[in-house]
Protein backbone atom coordinates (compact mmCIF):
# COMPACT_ATOMS: atom_id res chain seq x y z
CA MET A 1 61.90 -14.65 0.62
CA ILE A 2 59.27 -12.79 2.68
CA PRO A 3 56.60 -12.62 -0.20
CA MET A 4 56.81 -16.50 -0.47
CA ILE A 5 56.14 -16.89 3.32
CA VAL A 6 53.11 -14.52 3.02
CA HIS A 7 51.87 -16.49 -0.04
CA CYS A 8 52.27 -19.70 1.83
CA GLN A 9 50.27 -18.36 4.84
CA GLN A 10 47.48 -17.13 2.52
CA SER A 11 47.30 -20.48 0.85
CA LYS A 12 46.96 -22.26 4.24
CA GLU A 13 44.32 -19.71 5.31
CA GLN A 14 42.30 -20.39 2.12
CA LEU A 15 42.63 -24.13 2.60
CA ALA A 16 41.43 -23.86 6.27
CA GLN A 17 38.48 -21.75 5.08
CA TYR A 18 37.66 -24.27 2.42
CA TYR A 19 37.56 -27.11 4.92
CA PHE A 20 35.49 -25.00 7.42
CA ASN A 21 32.93 -23.98 4.71
CA ASN A 22 32.50 -27.63 3.74
CA GLY A 23 32.00 -28.78 7.27
CA GLU A 24 35.31 -30.61 7.55
CA PHE A 25 36.13 -29.06 10.90
CA ARG A 26 38.95 -31.37 12.02
CA GLN A 27 40.97 -30.61 8.88
CA ALA A 28 40.16 -26.84 9.38
CA ILE A 29 41.45 -27.06 13.01
CA GLU A 30 44.59 -28.90 11.97
CA ILE A 31 45.51 -26.00 9.64
CA ALA A 32 44.14 -23.06 11.62
CA GLU A 33 45.59 -24.01 15.00
CA PRO A 34 49.25 -23.40 14.19
CA LEU A 35 48.35 -20.21 12.35
CA TYR A 36 46.52 -18.98 15.43
CA LYS A 37 49.39 -19.84 17.76
CA LYS A 38 51.72 -17.93 15.50
CA THR A 39 49.62 -14.80 14.96
CA ALA A 40 46.84 -14.75 17.63
CA ASN A 41 44.68 -13.41 14.87
CA LYS A 42 41.00 -13.04 15.77
CA TYR A 43 39.97 -14.51 12.40
CA TYR A 44 41.66 -17.80 13.25
CA TYR A 45 40.24 -17.75 16.73
CA GLN A 46 36.73 -17.59 15.50
CA MET A 47 37.29 -20.31 12.98
CA LEU A 48 38.71 -22.56 15.76
CA TYR A 49 35.96 -21.70 18.17
CA ARG A 50 33.16 -22.43 15.69
CA SER A 51 34.85 -25.71 14.59
CA TYR A 52 35.17 -26.93 18.18
CA MET A 53 31.52 -25.98 18.88
CA SER A 54 30.34 -27.72 15.74
CA LEU A 55 32.26 -30.87 16.81
CA GLU A 56 30.81 -30.49 20.38
CA ASP A 57 34.37 -30.53 21.66
CA TYR A 58 33.51 -28.15 24.52
CA LYS A 59 36.69 -28.89 26.45
CA GLU A 60 38.91 -27.62 23.63
CA ALA A 61 36.61 -24.70 23.03
CA GLU A 62 36.76 -23.63 26.63
CA ARG A 63 40.60 -24.03 26.58
CA LEU A 64 40.72 -21.80 23.53
CA VAL A 65 38.55 -19.07 25.12
CA ASP A 66 40.42 -19.15 28.44
CA GLY A 67 43.75 -18.77 26.68
CA ARG A 68 42.59 -15.77 24.66
CA MET A 69 41.01 -14.12 27.75
CA LYS A 70 44.31 -14.15 29.59
CA LYS A 71 46.06 -12.44 26.74
CA ASN A 72 43.15 -10.11 25.80
CA PRO A 73 41.14 -9.19 28.91
CA LYS A 74 39.44 -6.26 27.21
CA GLU A 75 37.79 -8.52 24.64
CA LEU A 76 34.53 -8.90 26.64
CA TYR A 77 32.81 -10.80 23.81
CA LEU A 78 34.83 -13.78 24.92
CA TYR A 79 32.62 -14.05 28.04
CA VAL A 80 29.75 -14.54 25.65
CA ASP A 81 31.60 -17.26 23.84
CA LEU A 82 32.26 -18.91 27.20
CA GLY A 83 28.57 -18.58 28.17
CA LYS A 84 27.57 -20.25 24.91
CA ILE A 85 29.72 -23.26 25.78
CA TYR A 86 27.96 -23.51 29.15
CA ALA A 87 24.68 -23.17 27.44
CA ALA A 88 25.51 -25.98 25.06
CA LYS A 89 26.42 -28.02 28.16
CA ARG A 90 23.09 -27.00 29.76
CA ASP A 91 24.91 -25.30 32.64
CA ASN A 92 22.58 -22.21 32.93
CA LYS A 93 24.17 -20.91 36.21
CA LYS A 94 27.65 -20.79 34.74
CA LYS A 95 26.28 -19.19 31.55
CA GLN A 96 24.63 -16.38 33.53
CA LYS A 97 27.77 -15.93 35.55
CA ALA A 98 29.86 -15.48 32.37
CA TYR A 99 27.44 -13.01 30.87
CA ASN A 100 27.16 -10.97 34.11
CA GLU A 101 30.90 -10.85 34.43
CA ALA A 102 31.10 -9.32 30.98
CA LEU A 103 28.69 -6.61 32.02
CA GLU A 104 30.58 -5.98 35.30
CA LYS A 105 33.86 -5.46 33.40
CA LEU A 106 32.26 -3.19 30.76
CA LYS A 107 33.71 0.35 30.51
CA TYR A 108 32.58 3.19 28.34
CA ASP A 109 34.51 2.10 25.33
CA GLN A 110 32.43 2.35 22.09
CA ARG A 111 34.32 -0.41 20.34
CA GLN A 112 34.11 -2.72 23.40
CA ILE A 113 30.34 -1.97 23.76
CA SER A 114 29.71 -2.63 20.07
CA GLU A 115 31.59 -5.95 20.17
CA LEU A 116 29.82 -7.15 23.28
CA VAL A 117 26.34 -6.15 21.98
CA ASP A 118 27.00 -7.92 18.66
CA ALA A 119 28.08 -10.96 20.57
CA PHE A 120 24.95 -11.05 22.66
CA VAL A 121 22.72 -10.48 19.59
CA SER A 122 24.38 -13.30 17.66
CA ALA A 123 23.68 -15.51 20.73
CA ASN A 124 20.04 -14.36 20.68
CA GLU A 125 20.58 -12.88 24.17
CA TYR A 126 18.74 -9.58 23.47
CA ASP A 127 18.05 -8.88 27.10
CA TYR A 128 21.79 -8.82 27.81
CA ALA A 129 22.35 -6.69 24.64
CA ALA A 130 19.93 -4.12 26.12
CA LYS A 131 21.78 -4.30 29.40
CA CYS A 132 25.00 -3.33 27.68
CA TYR A 133 23.56 -0.11 26.45
CA LEU A 134 21.85 0.60 29.80
CA LYS A 135 25.21 0.06 31.58
CA ALA A 136 26.85 2.58 29.21
CA ARG A 137 24.15 5.09 30.19
CA GLU A 138 24.78 4.38 33.80
CA ILE A 139 28.53 4.91 33.44
CA THR A 140 28.16 8.15 31.49
CA LYS A 141 24.98 9.39 33.31
CA ASN A 142 23.57 10.19 29.91
CA LYS A 143 19.99 9.00 29.51
CA PHE A 144 19.91 9.86 25.76
CA LEU A 145 22.81 7.49 24.91
CA TYR A 146 22.08 4.70 22.37
CA LEU A 147 18.36 5.56 21.97
CA ASN A 148 18.06 4.19 18.45
CA GLU A 149 20.01 1.12 19.26
CA LEU A 150 18.03 0.27 22.38
CA ALA A 151 14.74 0.86 20.54
CA SER A 152 15.82 -1.60 17.87
CA ILE A 153 16.77 -4.22 20.52
CA TYR A 154 13.44 -3.76 22.31
CA GLY A 155 11.58 -4.09 19.01
CA THR A 156 13.38 -7.38 18.29
CA MET A 157 12.47 -8.60 21.79
CA GLY A 158 8.83 -7.71 21.25
CA ASN A 159 8.93 -5.19 24.12
CA TYR A 160 7.04 -2.54 22.06
CA GLU A 161 6.13 -0.24 24.90
CA ALA A 162 9.81 0.01 25.91
CA MET A 163 10.78 0.48 22.22
CA THR A 164 8.35 3.33 21.88
CA GLN A 165 9.54 4.95 25.10
CA GLU A 166 13.07 4.97 23.65
CA TYR A 167 11.81 6.60 20.48
CA MET A 168 10.02 9.19 22.50
CA ASP A 169 13.15 9.98 24.48
CA LEU A 170 14.96 10.32 21.18
CA LEU A 171 12.35 12.88 20.02
CA ASP A 172 12.73 14.76 23.30
CA ASN A 173 16.49 15.02 22.67
CA SER A 174 16.19 15.49 18.88
CA PRO A 175 12.77 16.63 17.62
CA GLY A 176 14.23 16.74 14.09
CA SER A 177 14.45 12.95 14.13
CA ILE A 178 10.67 12.56 13.87
CA SER A 179 10.71 11.36 10.26
CA SER A 180 13.31 8.69 10.84
CA VAL A 181 11.46 7.55 13.98
CA GLN A 182 8.16 7.26 12.01
CA ILE A 183 9.94 5.25 9.26
CA SER A 184 11.31 2.85 11.88
CA LEU A 185 7.99 2.54 13.64
CA GLN A 186 6.12 2.03 10.35
CA ARG A 187 8.53 -0.76 9.36
CA ASN A 188 7.78 -2.43 12.74
CA LEU A 189 4.11 -1.96 12.38
CA ASN A 190 4.10 -3.51 8.89
CA GLN A 191 6.12 -6.46 10.16
CA SER A 192 4.03 -7.02 13.28
CA SER A 193 1.35 -9.64 12.92
CA GLY A 194 -0.50 -8.95 16.21
CA THR A 195 -1.75 -5.89 17.99
CA GLU A 196 1.01 -5.65 20.69
CA LEU A 197 3.00 -3.05 18.88
CA ALA A 198 0.09 -0.77 18.09
CA ASN A 199 -1.22 -1.10 21.68
CA GLY A 200 2.24 -0.39 23.17
CA LEU A 201 2.71 2.60 20.82
CA ARG A 202 -0.75 3.98 21.69
CA LYS A 203 -0.20 3.46 25.48
CA ALA A 204 3.22 5.30 25.31
CA LEU A 205 1.93 8.22 23.33
CA ILE A 206 -1.11 8.74 25.51
CA SER A 207 1.15 8.63 28.57
CA ARG A 208 3.53 11.27 27.12
CA ILE A 209 0.73 13.59 25.99
CA GLN A 210 -1.00 13.40 29.37
CA LYS A 211 2.27 14.49 31.03
CA ASP A 212 2.98 17.15 28.49
CA PRO A 213 -0.13 18.13 26.49
CA SER A 214 1.50 21.09 24.83
CA ASN A 215 4.38 19.10 23.32
CA LYS A 216 3.93 19.54 19.55
CA THR A 217 6.13 16.56 18.68
CA TYR A 218 4.04 14.17 20.73
CA LEU A 219 0.87 15.52 19.11
CA GLN A 220 2.41 15.09 15.64
CA MET A 221 3.29 11.50 16.53
CA MET A 222 -0.28 10.79 17.73
CA ILE A 223 -1.60 12.17 14.44
CA TRP A 224 0.85 10.05 12.50
CA PHE A 225 -0.13 6.94 14.53
CA SER A 226 -3.86 7.57 14.01
CA LEU A 227 -3.27 7.80 10.28
CA GLN A 228 -1.42 4.42 10.35
CA GLU A 229 -4.47 2.93 12.17
CA LYS A 230 -6.79 4.69 9.66
CA ASP A 231 -8.52 6.52 12.52
CA PHE A 232 -8.87 9.62 10.37
CA GLU A 233 -11.51 11.32 12.60
CA PHE A 234 -9.20 11.25 15.64
CA ALA A 235 -6.26 12.30 13.50
CA LEU A 236 -8.15 15.34 12.24
CA THR A 237 -9.23 16.30 15.75
CA GLN A 238 -5.58 16.18 16.85
CA ALA A 239 -4.42 18.15 13.71
CA LYS A 240 -6.94 20.88 14.43
CA ALA A 241 -5.75 21.06 18.01
CA VAL A 242 -2.13 21.46 16.81
CA ASP A 243 -3.22 24.16 14.34
CA SER A 244 -4.99 26.01 17.18
CA ARG A 245 -2.08 25.82 19.57
CA PHE A 246 0.65 26.37 17.06
CA PRO A 247 -0.80 28.69 14.34
CA GLU A 248 2.62 29.10 12.78
CA THR A 249 2.17 25.63 11.30
CA GLY A 250 -0.34 27.14 8.91
CA GLY A 251 -2.59 24.10 9.03
CA GLU A 252 -0.11 21.81 7.24
CA LEU A 253 -1.07 18.87 9.45
CA VAL A 254 -4.76 19.50 8.87
CA LYS A 255 -4.18 19.40 5.06
CA GLN A 256 -2.02 16.25 5.37
CA VAL A 257 -4.79 14.43 7.25
CA ALA A 258 -7.47 15.63 4.84
CA ASP A 259 -5.39 14.52 1.82
CA ILE A 260 -4.82 11.08 3.29
CA ALA A 261 -8.52 10.73 4.31
CA LYS A 262 -9.48 11.61 0.80
CA SER A 263 -7.20 9.02 -0.73
CA ASN A 264 -8.75 6.48 1.67
CA GLU A 265 -12.33 7.42 0.61
CA SER A 266 -13.07 8.96 4.01
CA TYR A 267 -14.72 11.89 2.18
CA ASN A 268 -16.64 13.47 5.16
CA ILE A 269 -13.50 13.77 7.23
CA ALA A 270 -11.45 15.04 4.27
CA GLU A 271 -14.14 17.72 3.53
CA ASP A 272 -14.19 18.67 7.21
CA GLY A 273 -10.42 19.26 7.08
CA TYR A 274 -10.55 21.36 3.96
CA ASN A 275 -13.38 23.41 5.37
CA HIS A 276 -11.31 24.15 8.49
CA LEU A 277 -8.55 25.58 6.24
CA ILE A 278 -10.98 27.52 4.01
CA LYS A 279 -12.57 29.19 7.08
CA LYS A 280 -9.20 30.66 7.92
CA GLY A 281 -9.59 32.96 4.88
CA LYS A 282 -7.65 33.83 1.82
CA SER A 283 -4.64 35.01 3.82
CA ASN A 284 -4.00 31.39 4.78
CA PRO A 285 -1.39 30.08 2.31
CA LEU A 286 -3.31 26.78 2.04
CA PHE A 287 -6.63 28.46 1.21
CA PHE A 288 -6.61 27.63 -2.50
CA GLU A 289 -5.22 24.18 -2.04
CA ALA A 290 -8.00 23.51 0.44
CA GLN A 291 -10.55 24.69 -2.13
CA VAL A 292 -9.06 22.36 -4.71
CA GLY A 293 -9.12 19.50 -2.25
CA LYS A 294 -12.72 20.13 -1.32
CA LEU A 295 -13.82 20.19 -4.99
CA GLU A 296 -11.97 16.93 -5.60
CA VAL A 297 -13.77 15.33 -2.62
CA ARG A 298 -17.15 16.51 -4.01
CA PHE A 299 -16.22 15.02 -7.36
CA LEU A 300 -14.91 11.74 -5.96
CA ARG A 301 -18.16 11.46 -3.95
CA LEU A 302 -20.14 11.37 -7.17
CA ASP A 303 -21.97 8.05 -7.09
CA ARG A 304 -20.93 5.83 -9.94
CA PHE A 305 -24.36 4.09 -9.55
CA HIS A 306 -26.61 7.09 -10.44
CA SER A 307 -26.88 10.51 -12.08
CA LEU A 308 -26.73 13.88 -10.30
CA SER A 309 -29.87 15.88 -9.73
CA PRO A 310 -30.02 19.03 -11.95
CA LYS A 311 -29.63 21.17 -8.77
CA GLU A 312 -26.56 19.24 -7.51
CA TYR A 313 -25.05 19.28 -10.94
CA LYS A 314 -25.48 23.02 -11.44
CA SER A 315 -23.98 23.75 -7.99
CA LEU A 316 -20.90 21.60 -8.52
CA LYS A 317 -20.31 22.86 -12.02
CA GLN A 318 -20.46 26.53 -10.85
CA ASP A 319 -18.03 25.80 -8.02
CA TYR A 320 -15.61 24.27 -10.50
CA GLU A 321 -15.86 27.19 -12.86
CA LYS A 322 -15.37 29.70 -10.09
CA THR A 323 -12.27 27.91 -8.64
CA ILE A 324 -10.65 27.35 -12.03
CA GLY A 325 -11.39 31.03 -12.94
CA GLU A 326 -9.68 32.18 -9.74
CA LEU A 327 -6.65 29.89 -9.95
CA GLY A 328 -6.18 29.85 -13.69
CA LYS A 329 -5.65 27.03 -16.16
CA THR A 330 -2.26 25.69 -15.16
CA GLU A 331 -0.54 22.40 -14.46
CA GLN A 332 -1.51 22.83 -10.83
CA THR A 333 -5.24 23.00 -11.68
CA LEU A 334 -5.07 20.32 -14.36
CA ARG A 335 -6.76 17.73 -12.16
CA LEU A 336 -9.68 20.14 -11.61
CA MET A 337 -9.95 20.78 -15.35
CA ARG A 338 -10.11 17.04 -16.17
CA ASN A 339 -12.61 16.48 -13.42
CA TYR A 340 -14.75 19.37 -14.79
CA ALA A 341 -14.63 17.77 -18.23
CA GLU A 342 -15.79 14.43 -16.83
CA LEU A 343 -18.51 16.15 -14.78
CA THR A 344 -19.99 18.20 -17.68
CA ALA A 345 -19.79 15.39 -20.20
CA TYR A 346 -21.01 12.30 -18.26
CA TYR A 347 -23.26 13.97 -15.68
CA GLY A 348 -24.47 17.02 -17.58
CA ASN A 349 -24.36 15.72 -21.21
CA GLU A 350 -22.42 18.96 -22.10
CA VAL A 351 -19.94 17.28 -24.37
CA GLN A 352 -18.75 20.33 -26.21
CA THR A 353 -18.11 22.22 -22.87
CA ALA A 354 -16.12 19.19 -21.68
CA ALA A 355 -14.15 19.02 -24.93
CA ASP A 356 -13.33 22.73 -24.82
CA MET A 357 -11.91 22.32 -21.28
CA LEU A 358 -9.69 19.43 -22.39
CA TYR A 359 -8.45 21.29 -25.41
CA ASP A 360 -7.49 24.22 -23.10
CA ALA A 361 -5.70 21.70 -20.96
CA LEU A 362 -3.56 20.56 -23.91
CA GLU A 363 -2.51 24.18 -24.33
CA ILE A 364 -0.83 24.31 -20.95
CA PRO A 365 2.91 24.98 -21.47
CA LYS A 366 5.46 22.23 -20.87
CA LEU A 367 2.86 19.58 -20.28
CA PRO A 368 4.51 16.10 -20.02
CA SER A 369 3.93 13.90 -23.08
CA HIS A 370 2.38 11.15 -20.96
CA THR A 371 -0.14 13.64 -19.54
CA GLN A 372 -0.95 14.87 -23.05
CA GLY A 373 -1.63 11.25 -24.04
CA GLU A 374 -3.97 10.80 -21.06
CA ILE A 375 -5.91 13.96 -21.99
CA LYS A 376 -6.24 12.84 -25.62
CA LEU A 377 -7.58 9.51 -24.50
CA GLU A 378 -10.21 11.42 -22.53
CA LEU A 379 -11.00 13.43 -25.64
CA GLY A 380 -11.36 10.19 -27.60
CA ASP A 381 -13.79 8.95 -24.95
CA LEU A 382 -15.84 12.12 -25.24
CA LEU A 383 -16.01 11.73 -29.06
CA LEU A 384 -17.21 8.14 -28.65
CA PHE A 385 -19.72 9.25 -25.97
CA ALA A 386 -21.05 11.84 -28.56
CA GLY A 387 -21.38 9.12 -31.18
CA GLU A 388 -18.43 10.35 -33.26
CA VAL A 389 -17.01 6.87 -33.68
CA TRP A 390 -14.56 7.53 -36.51
CA GLU A 391 -13.06 10.62 -34.92
CA ALA A 392 -12.70 8.77 -31.62
CA SER A 393 -10.81 6.02 -33.40
CA LEU A 394 -8.44 8.53 -34.97
CA MET A 395 -7.70 10.07 -31.58
CA TYR A 396 -6.94 6.70 -30.04
CA MET A 397 -4.73 5.69 -32.95
CA GLN A 398 -2.79 9.04 -32.57
CA VAL A 399 -2.11 8.28 -28.92
CA GLU A 400 -1.11 4.67 -29.62
CA LYS A 401 1.33 5.73 -32.33
CA ALA A 402 2.97 8.33 -30.11
CA ASN A 403 3.29 5.94 -27.16
CA LYS A 404 3.99 2.50 -28.70
CA ASN A 405 6.24 1.26 -25.87
CA ASP A 406 4.26 2.86 -23.02
CA VAL A 407 1.33 1.73 -20.91
CA ILE A 408 -0.74 4.64 -22.31
CA GLY A 409 -0.19 3.25 -25.80
CA SER A 410 -1.65 -0.04 -24.60
CA GLN A 411 -4.65 1.79 -23.13
CA ALA A 412 -5.21 3.56 -26.48
CA LYS A 413 -5.05 0.17 -28.27
CA LEU A 414 -7.52 -1.27 -25.77
CA ARG A 415 -9.95 1.54 -26.43
CA ASN A 416 -9.76 1.11 -30.17
CA ALA A 417 -10.34 -2.65 -29.73
CA LYS A 418 -13.43 -1.87 -27.67
CA LEU A 419 -14.58 0.57 -30.34
CA SER A 420 -14.27 -2.20 -32.91
CA TYR A 421 -16.43 -4.37 -30.67
CA PHE A 422 -19.00 -1.64 -30.46
CA THR A 423 -19.13 -1.45 -34.28
CA HIS A 424 -19.46 -5.28 -34.60
CA GLU A 425 -15.95 -5.95 -35.91
CA PHE A 426 -15.61 -8.85 -33.51
CA GLU A 427 -12.89 -10.87 -35.09
CA TRP A 428 -10.61 -7.82 -35.47
CA ALA A 429 -11.41 -6.62 -31.92
CA LYS A 430 -10.63 -10.09 -30.52
CA SER A 431 -7.27 -10.27 -32.36
CA GLN A 432 -6.21 -6.93 -30.81
CA LEU A 433 -7.53 -7.93 -27.33
CA ASP A 434 -5.57 -11.15 -27.40
CA VAL A 435 -2.37 -9.23 -27.99
CA LEU A 436 -3.17 -6.89 -25.08
CA ARG A 437 -3.72 -9.85 -22.72
CA GLY A 438 0.07 -9.95 -22.46
CA SER A 439 0.32 -6.32 -21.55
CA THR A 440 2.67 -5.22 -18.73
CA SER A 441 -0.21 -3.26 -17.30
CA LYS A 442 -2.32 -5.61 -15.17
CA LEU A 443 -5.43 -3.37 -15.59
CA VAL A 444 -5.13 -3.37 -19.36
CA ALA A 445 -4.49 -7.14 -19.44
CA ASN A 446 -7.49 -7.90 -17.28
CA ASP A 447 -9.85 -5.61 -19.23
CA ALA A 448 -8.53 -7.08 -22.56
CA MET A 449 -9.08 -10.60 -21.23
CA GLU A 450 -12.60 -9.86 -19.97
CA LEU A 451 -13.83 -8.39 -23.29
CA SER A 452 -12.00 -11.04 -25.28
CA LEU A 453 -13.77 -13.78 -23.38
CA LEU A 454 -17.11 -12.01 -23.82
CA ILE A 455 -16.61 -11.96 -27.56
CA SER A 456 -15.19 -15.48 -27.94
CA ASP A 457 -17.80 -17.15 -25.63
CA ASN A 458 -20.62 -15.63 -27.69
CA MET A 459 -19.15 -16.00 -31.22
CA GLU A 460 -18.87 -19.75 -30.73
CA ASP A 461 -22.64 -20.27 -30.11
CA ASP A 462 -23.88 -17.92 -32.76
CA SER A 463 -22.28 -18.16 -36.19
CA THR A 464 -24.22 -15.05 -37.38
CA PHE A 465 -23.22 -13.05 -34.29
CA THR A 466 -26.76 -11.71 -34.17
CA THR A 467 -27.14 -11.77 -30.40
CA LEU A 468 -23.65 -10.47 -29.89
CA GLU A 469 -24.32 -7.63 -32.28
CA GLN A 470 -27.51 -6.75 -30.34
CA TYR A 471 -25.59 -6.83 -27.13
CA ALA A 472 -22.72 -4.66 -28.39
CA THR A 473 -25.27 -2.13 -29.63
CA ALA A 474 -26.97 -2.03 -26.25
CA ASP A 475 -23.56 -1.76 -24.57
CA LEU A 476 -22.68 1.31 -26.64
CA LEU A 477 -26.02 2.90 -25.76
CA MET A 478 -25.28 2.34 -22.09
CA TYR A 479 -21.80 3.83 -22.54
CA ARG A 480 -23.32 6.89 -24.08
CA ASN A 481 -25.62 7.18 -21.05
CA MET A 482 -28.74 6.55 -23.18
CA LEU A 483 -30.12 4.46 -20.34
CA ASP A 484 -33.77 3.93 -21.43
CA SER A 485 -32.67 2.88 -24.95
CA ALA A 486 -29.98 0.56 -23.47
CA TRP A 487 -32.46 -0.98 -21.10
CA ASN A 488 -34.92 -1.71 -23.96
CA ALA A 489 -32.07 -3.23 -26.03
CA PHE A 490 -30.89 -5.49 -23.19
CA ASP A 491 -34.53 -6.36 -22.29
CA TYR A 492 -35.25 -7.44 -25.87
CA ILE A 493 -32.21 -9.82 -25.76
CA GLU A 494 -33.31 -11.38 -22.42
CA HIS A 495 -36.91 -11.97 -23.56
CA HIS A 496 -36.12 -13.04 -27.18
CA THR A 497 -33.24 -15.40 -26.51
CA LEU A 498 -34.17 -18.72 -24.93
CA SER A 499 -30.73 -19.96 -24.07
CA HIS A 500 -27.47 -18.04 -24.76
CA PRO A 501 -24.22 -17.63 -22.78
CA ILE A 502 -24.61 -13.83 -22.96
CA LEU A 503 -27.72 -13.80 -20.70
CA ASP A 504 -25.77 -13.42 -17.43
CA ASP A 505 -23.93 -10.37 -18.97
CA VAL A 506 -27.42 -8.96 -19.93
CA LEU A 507 -28.67 -9.31 -16.34
CA LEU A 508 -25.50 -7.53 -14.99
CA GLN A 509 -25.90 -4.62 -17.44
CA LYS A 510 -29.57 -4.28 -16.68
CA ALA A 511 -28.71 -4.15 -12.97
CA LYS A 512 -26.11 -1.43 -13.60
CA ILE A 513 -28.67 0.66 -15.49
CA ARG A 514 -31.10 0.46 -12.57
CA MET A 515 -28.30 1.47 -10.23
CA LYS A 516 -27.55 4.55 -12.33
CA GLN A 517 -31.25 5.36 -12.22
CA GLY A 518 -31.39 5.06 -8.44
CA ARG A 519 -33.72 2.05 -8.58
CA TYR A 520 -31.61 0.05 -6.16
CA ALA A 521 -34.18 -2.61 -5.09
CA GLU A 522 -34.81 -3.52 -8.71
CA ALA A 523 -31.07 -3.64 -9.36
CA ASP A 524 -30.58 -5.99 -6.41
CA ASP A 525 -33.34 -8.29 -7.67
CA LEU A 526 -31.53 -8.53 -11.02
CA LEU A 527 -28.20 -9.28 -9.38
CA GLN A 528 -29.82 -11.95 -7.16
CA LYS A 529 -31.33 -13.49 -10.27
CA LEU A 530 -27.82 -13.67 -11.81
CA ILE A 531 -26.36 -15.17 -8.65
CA ASP A 532 -29.15 -17.83 -8.48
CA PHE A 533 -29.06 -18.86 -12.17
CA TYR A 534 -25.41 -18.53 -12.89
CA ASP A 535 -23.70 -19.19 -9.47
CA ASP A 536 -20.80 -20.93 -11.19
CA GLY A 537 -20.44 -18.39 -13.98
CA LEU A 538 -17.71 -15.84 -14.50
CA LEU A 539 -19.92 -12.94 -13.41
CA ALA A 540 -21.16 -14.42 -10.11
CA ASP A 541 -18.45 -12.65 -8.04
CA ASP A 542 -19.24 -9.32 -9.77
CA ALA A 543 -22.94 -9.71 -8.92
CA LEU A 544 -22.19 -10.62 -5.34
CA MET A 545 -19.84 -7.65 -4.90
CA LEU A 546 -22.38 -5.23 -6.39
CA SER A 547 -25.26 -6.68 -4.39
CA ALA A 548 -23.30 -6.45 -1.17
CA GLN A 549 -22.37 -2.82 -1.85
CA LEU A 550 -25.98 -1.90 -2.68
CA ASN A 551 -27.31 -3.51 0.48
CA GLU A 552 -24.60 -1.91 2.66
CA LEU A 553 -24.75 1.63 1.26
CA TYR A 554 -28.26 2.10 -0.20
CA LEU A 555 -30.75 -0.51 0.92
CA SER A 556 -29.87 -0.28 4.65
CA ASN A 557 -29.61 -4.10 4.89
CA LYS A 558 -26.15 -4.55 6.32
CA GLU A 559 -26.92 -8.14 7.42
CA HIS A 560 -27.67 -9.22 3.81
CA ALA A 561 -24.59 -7.25 2.66
CA LYS A 562 -22.44 -9.30 5.11
CA GLU A 563 -23.99 -12.53 3.76
CA GLN A 564 -23.18 -11.57 0.19
CA TYR A 565 -19.56 -10.64 1.09
CA GLU A 566 -19.19 -13.95 2.98
CA LYS A 567 -20.58 -15.89 -0.01
CA LEU A 568 -18.11 -14.23 -2.28
CA ILE A 569 -15.25 -15.00 0.07
CA LEU A 570 -16.21 -18.69 0.49
CA ASP A 571 -17.31 -19.50 -3.08
CA HIS A 572 -14.98 -17.35 -5.08
CA PRO A 573 -11.56 -17.37 -3.32
CA THR A 574 -9.66 -16.33 -6.51
CA SER A 575 -11.89 -13.32 -7.29
CA LEU A 576 -10.30 -9.96 -7.92
CA TYR A 577 -12.69 -8.58 -5.26
CA ILE A 578 -11.60 -10.97 -2.53
CA GLU A 579 -9.45 -8.45 -0.62
CA GLN A 580 -12.05 -5.69 -0.63
CA ALA A 581 -14.87 -8.12 0.17
CA ARG A 582 -12.94 -9.50 3.17
CA LYS A 583 -12.22 -5.96 4.39
CA ASN A 584 -15.85 -4.91 4.06
CA TYR A 585 -17.09 -8.13 5.74
CA ASN A 586 -14.81 -7.70 8.70
CA LYS A 587 -15.88 -4.03 9.14
CA LEU A 588 -19.61 -5.01 9.09
CA LYS A 589 -18.95 -7.91 11.46
CA ALA A 590 -17.06 -5.59 13.88
CA SER A 591 -19.80 -2.97 13.78
CA GLY A 592 -22.44 -5.65 14.44
CA ASN A 593 -20.51 -6.84 17.53
CA LYS A 594 -20.49 -3.43 19.13
């Protein structure tokens, strides 16, 4: 008999829930009310309360809350329910009285506190939720109670300075919580649209450091915050200070700042950090890592626009050889080995030296297959650079076959398609490129689309492909760094072709050659010519971006650079460069306002 009663009650509960979910509140009340009278279950209470509130039947809602209060005086969330009724009736005084009464009755009961806080939060009364936690501290005389919880509440309220103070107190009580605090603050920084949080965080950190300048945790937090703000110079200054005061850290923070500065292209700051560690001597456990970092910075600094002087090249090459000789050819120095190969091949024209280093890299034990594929692609590029077209194609095919379902396989296929373009097999190249336009790799898909459009646009207007063949030949010469020959080939096309869709591409390539030769003013003139004559063409945004960078970095004409960035932003809103252009424009604008 009992199972049937239980089943009956469950069926009624399900029916009440069905009506409630469908907004049929009167039917839900009709079924839930007798169940509540019989069981006093909180579930039925909440269903009834929400139903009455939805029907704006405040009298019944208040009767329900009062009745439960008498029977369950410790359920302080009921005062919040009562306050919500008064709020709905626009009786603010009674609402405040109900909320304050809940706080007055609050004891140090974790469940009671949790229920009351949840009730205030669901009512969007965050100030009262914070008061609950503060009352608990007052009762227990424990200022470190509910630090995380209060920080979260203050963050939701937008009281970022108070939130930061709570996190700082948490670190005072538990320095090991620094990673979790940083994660929480980073999440808030990412979600914050204004500067209030950053300003509040900065103010709180400065205040703490002024009071306790030797507190390592505060200094670590200031370094972390400076990195979030991309103020790498200040971060490095602080990291050096920590290294000086706390030598047992071994310079870990200095290396961290240098690494992050390097990845953000702040090469001067990164090199300064690595030099600081190198000066500590070989006994410093980070000595060799700092040497590697500094070499990588010097390599990354290499200007993609022009060649190295013989003196610069010789110095950098020797430093690479010395460091690789000291550290050995291992998986840890693989990045250096690959950089060395690129340096010697493309800046020193020592292709065999570069190839030997890459073959040595392939001999490193237990090298992941993906990494092997990358190195073989670099070997294929070297072979093509040396003019060994057939051998390069074989290397690319080998990588593609071994990595058919991987991005690296698509990269190999793209290189082989480009090789076919270089050798004037345009229709075959285009068929391969069109397949790659659907690649899962955005970079491969974009490059494939760009080359496919170049081929298709210029095949249509020239059934003999004569001009396209001349262009592809010049393009290969440029790839092989035979700049004078490439210039002559592109120049011939420009002056012997009256009207052809490839002419804007020719101007862009000629500009790139002049950049690599360090003839920046001539390069900018060519880019401006492209912008003026082909302002609605596919390469206009490329030309604007390059012109802006040249004027900003090499021609000392930041005002014109700003104009070029602005034109790109306004005239080409769908450009792939839009984000970088906007960032650079804002930086120049800010520096001009100082």
